[in-house]
N, C-alpha and C. Protein backbone atom coordinates (compact mmCIF):
# COMPACT_ATOMS: atom_id res chain seq x y z
N MET A 1 126.30 128.55 86.58
CA MET A 1 125.68 127.88 87.34
C MET A 1 126.61 126.84 87.77
N GLY A 2 126.54 126.35 89.03
CA GLY A 2 127.23 125.45 89.41
C GLY A 2 126.88 123.88 88.92
N LYS A 3 128.01 123.03 89.23
CA LYS A 3 127.34 121.79 89.01
C LYS A 3 126.91 121.18 89.87
N ILE A 4 127.09 121.37 91.00
CA ILE A 4 125.92 120.70 92.20
C ILE A 4 124.46 121.01 91.67
N ARG A 5 124.38 122.77 91.47
CA ARG A 5 122.89 123.17 90.83
C ARG A 5 122.41 122.22 89.61
N LYS A 6 123.55 121.95 88.51
CA LYS A 6 122.86 120.92 87.37
C LYS A 6 122.65 119.84 87.55
N GLU A 7 123.18 119.18 88.45
CA GLU A 7 122.82 117.65 88.89
C GLU A 7 121.53 117.67 89.10
N ARG A 8 121.28 118.54 90.30
CA ARG A 8 119.98 118.59 91.04
C ARG A 8 118.68 118.82 89.90
N ILE A 9 118.82 119.42 89.04
CA ILE A 9 118.17 120.20 88.24
C ILE A 9 117.79 118.87 86.83
N ARG A 10 119.09 118.29 86.90
CA ARG A 10 119.04 117.35 85.88
C ARG A 10 118.29 115.74 86.62
N ARG A 11 118.44 115.72 88.04
CA ARG A 11 117.76 114.64 88.34
C ARG A 11 116.33 114.89 88.38
N ARG A 12 116.11 116.18 88.82
CA ARG A 12 114.53 116.33 88.81
C ARG A 12 113.71 116.54 87.49
N VAL A 13 114.65 116.53 86.49
CA VAL A 13 113.79 116.46 85.23
C VAL A 13 113.81 114.90 84.71
N VAL A 14 115.10 114.16 85.24
CA VAL A 14 114.93 112.62 84.80
C VAL A 14 113.79 112.41 85.82
N SER A 15 113.62 112.12 86.48
CA SER A 15 112.84 112.09 87.78
C SER A 15 111.30 112.41 87.05
N ALA A 16 110.87 113.62 86.54
CA ALA A 16 109.60 113.66 86.11
C ALA A 16 109.48 113.25 84.71
N ILE A 17 110.31 112.61 83.75
CA ILE A 17 109.86 112.10 82.86
C ILE A 17 109.98 110.68 83.39
N ARG A 18 110.55 110.20 84.01
CA ARG A 18 110.19 108.79 84.67
C ARG A 18 108.59 108.63 85.07
N LYS A 19 107.99 109.55 86.17
CA LYS A 19 107.08 109.59 86.63
C LYS A 19 105.94 109.84 85.41
N LEU A 20 106.35 110.56 84.30
CA LEU A 20 105.25 110.92 83.10
C LEU A 20 105.24 109.54 82.75
N TYR A 21 106.14 108.93 82.55
CA TYR A 21 105.74 107.73 81.27
C TYR A 21 105.25 106.47 82.26
N VAL A 22 105.35 106.53 83.71
CA VAL A 22 104.38 105.47 84.49
C VAL A 22 102.93 106.10 84.50
N ALA A 23 102.76 107.09 84.48
CA ALA A 23 101.48 107.60 84.58
C ALA A 23 100.68 107.36 83.10
N SER A 24 101.58 107.65 82.15
CA SER A 24 100.97 107.58 80.59
C SER A 24 100.78 105.97 80.42
N TYR A 25 101.51 105.06 81.07
CA TYR A 25 101.46 103.66 80.76
C TYR A 25 100.09 103.24 81.52
N ASN A 26 99.93 103.56 82.54
CA ASN A 26 98.49 103.35 83.16
C ASN A 26 97.71 103.86 82.49
N ILE A 27 97.54 104.93 82.11
CA ILE A 27 96.54 105.56 81.61
C ILE A 27 96.15 104.51 80.53
N TYR A 28 97.38 104.69 79.62
CA TYR A 28 96.91 103.83 78.39
C TYR A 28 96.47 102.17 78.71
N GLY A 29 97.16 101.82 79.66
CA GLY A 29 96.45 100.30 80.01
C GLY A 29 95.24 100.27 79.96
N PHE A 30 94.32 101.43 81.25
CA PHE A 30 93.06 101.16 81.44
C PHE A 30 92.34 101.88 80.26
N TYR A 31 92.99 102.30 79.59
CA TYR A 31 92.13 102.38 78.27
C TYR A 31 91.86 101.38 77.67
N TRP A 32 93.12 100.53 77.29
CA TRP A 32 92.69 99.03 76.82
C TRP A 32 92.04 98.06 77.51
N LEU A 33 91.92 98.22 78.33
CA LEU A 33 90.70 97.39 79.69
C LEU A 33 89.73 97.73 79.43
N TYR A 34 89.46 99.14 79.49
CA TYR A 34 87.91 99.67 78.81
C TYR A 34 87.60 98.96 77.33
N LYS A 35 88.76 99.19 76.00
CA LYS A 35 88.00 98.59 75.07
C LYS A 35 87.95 96.75 75.08
N ILE A 36 88.80 96.41 75.99
CA ILE A 36 88.33 94.96 76.26
C ILE A 36 87.11 94.50 76.61
N ILE A 37 86.74 95.08 77.29
CA ILE A 37 85.30 94.92 77.82
C ILE A 37 84.20 95.56 77.04
N TRP A 38 84.22 96.55 76.68
CA TRP A 38 83.13 97.20 75.94
C TRP A 38 83.30 97.42 74.27
N VAL A 39 84.43 97.10 73.67
CA VAL A 39 84.65 97.07 72.59
C VAL A 39 85.15 96.32 71.67
N LEU A 40 85.92 95.65 72.31
CA LEU A 40 86.44 94.49 71.82
C LEU A 40 85.67 93.10 71.97
N GLU A 41 85.94 91.87 71.63
CA GLU A 41 85.74 90.81 71.84
C GLU A 41 86.23 90.30 73.66
N PHE A 42 85.31 90.32 74.21
CA PHE A 42 85.59 90.28 75.90
C PHE A 42 85.88 88.83 76.06
N ASN A 43 87.09 88.36 76.11
CA ASN A 43 87.32 87.04 76.09
C ASN A 43 88.51 86.54 77.19
N TRP A 44 88.81 85.68 77.77
CA TRP A 44 90.19 85.06 78.55
C TRP A 44 91.21 85.68 78.29
N GLU A 45 91.51 85.30 76.65
CA GLU A 45 92.94 85.89 76.50
C GLU A 45 93.36 87.07 76.19
N ASN A 46 92.29 87.85 75.80
CA ASN A 46 92.58 89.52 75.82
C ASN A 46 92.96 89.81 77.41
N LEU A 47 92.10 90.02 78.45
CA LEU A 47 92.04 89.73 79.76
C LEU A 47 93.36 89.19 80.56
N LEU A 48 94.23 88.33 80.12
CA LEU A 48 95.33 87.55 80.25
C LEU A 48 96.41 88.54 79.75
N LEU A 49 96.24 88.85 78.19
CA LEU A 49 97.26 89.56 78.30
C LEU A 49 97.19 91.16 78.30
N TRP A 50 96.13 91.90 78.78
CA TRP A 50 96.41 93.02 79.22
C TRP A 50 96.57 92.83 81.35
N PHE A 51 96.47 91.72 81.80
CA PHE A 51 96.85 91.39 83.03
C PHE A 51 98.74 91.59 82.95
N PHE A 52 98.84 90.40 81.94
CA PHE A 52 100.52 90.45 82.18
C PHE A 52 101.25 91.53 81.88
N ALA A 53 100.58 92.30 80.77
CA ALA A 53 101.43 93.67 80.06
C ALA A 53 101.16 94.78 81.72
N MET A 54 100.10 95.02 82.60
CA MET A 54 100.11 95.83 83.31
C MET A 54 100.63 95.38 84.50
N GLY A 55 100.72 93.94 84.76
CA GLY A 55 101.16 93.36 86.03
C GLY A 55 102.69 93.29 85.79
N GLY A 56 103.33 93.51 84.50
CA GLY A 56 104.80 93.42 84.43
C GLY A 56 105.37 94.44 84.75
N LEU A 57 104.80 95.65 84.41
CA LEU A 57 105.12 96.89 85.12
C LEU A 57 105.05 97.55 86.28
N TYR A 58 104.01 96.67 86.97
CA TYR A 58 103.74 97.43 88.23
C TYR A 58 104.75 96.31 89.26
N PHE A 59 105.08 95.30 88.86
CA PHE A 59 106.06 94.45 89.87
C PHE A 59 107.59 94.95 89.20
N PHE A 60 108.08 95.51 88.22
CA PHE A 60 108.97 96.14 87.59
C PHE A 60 108.97 97.28 88.39
N ILE A 61 107.82 98.34 88.77
CA ILE A 61 107.92 99.33 89.62
C ILE A 61 108.34 99.23 91.01
N LEU A 62 107.71 97.80 91.58
CA LEU A 62 108.01 97.67 92.91
C LEU A 62 109.64 97.34 93.20
N LYS A 63 109.82 96.68 92.12
CA LYS A 63 111.16 96.33 92.38
C LYS A 63 112.78 97.38 92.15
N ASN A 64 112.25 98.25 91.21
CA ASN A 64 113.17 99.56 90.85
C ASN A 64 112.54 100.68 91.27
N LYS A 65 111.80 100.88 92.87
CA LYS A 65 111.19 102.23 92.72
C LYS A 65 112.38 103.32 93.17
N GLU A 66 113.44 102.78 93.62
CA GLU A 66 114.53 104.09 93.87
C GLU A 66 115.10 104.37 92.68
N GLU A 67 115.15 103.24 91.76
CA GLU A 67 116.15 103.79 90.51
C GLU A 67 115.29 105.00 89.65
N LEU A 68 113.80 104.72 89.46
CA LEU A 68 112.82 105.60 89.26
C LEU A 68 112.32 106.58 89.59
N GLY A 69 112.97 107.28 90.82
CA GLY A 69 112.85 108.18 91.60
C GLY A 69 111.47 108.16 92.16
N ILE A 70 110.89 107.03 92.46
CA ILE A 70 109.31 106.69 92.87
C ILE A 70 109.48 107.37 94.50
N ALA A 71 110.56 106.82 95.05
CA ALA A 71 111.07 106.81 96.66
C ALA A 71 110.93 108.22 97.17
N ASP A 72 111.73 108.92 95.81
CA ASP A 72 112.01 110.47 96.38
C ASP A 72 110.56 111.28 96.39
N TYR A 73 110.00 110.91 95.22
CA TYR A 73 108.31 111.32 95.15
C TYR A 73 107.73 111.35 96.30
N HIS A 74 107.56 109.88 97.32
CA HIS A 74 107.09 109.86 98.17
C HIS A 74 107.40 111.20 99.27
N ARG A 75 108.62 111.15 99.70
CA ARG A 75 109.49 111.81 100.36
C ARG A 75 109.46 113.45 100.54
N GLY A 76 108.54 113.81 98.98
CA GLY A 76 108.58 115.50 99.01
C GLY A 76 109.80 115.90 98.30
N VAL A 77 110.32 115.21 97.77
CA VAL A 77 111.43 115.72 97.31
C VAL A 77 111.44 116.58 96.09
């Protein structure tokens, strides 16, 4: 296997892992929103904590989408 081919495979694997992490975080975050609304005590503190946890990742993704490989994903690489 050539060095260029190994690098291309490594980039695709790392990009897939990053995308899986972001998707998993979103699924888990909305699971907690469900729990806050219907299972746990529904109050502003729980919602605020959820908002900052989810918002923090969202703004992190917006700022670092090239490093996360998200720009490549939208181009179809």
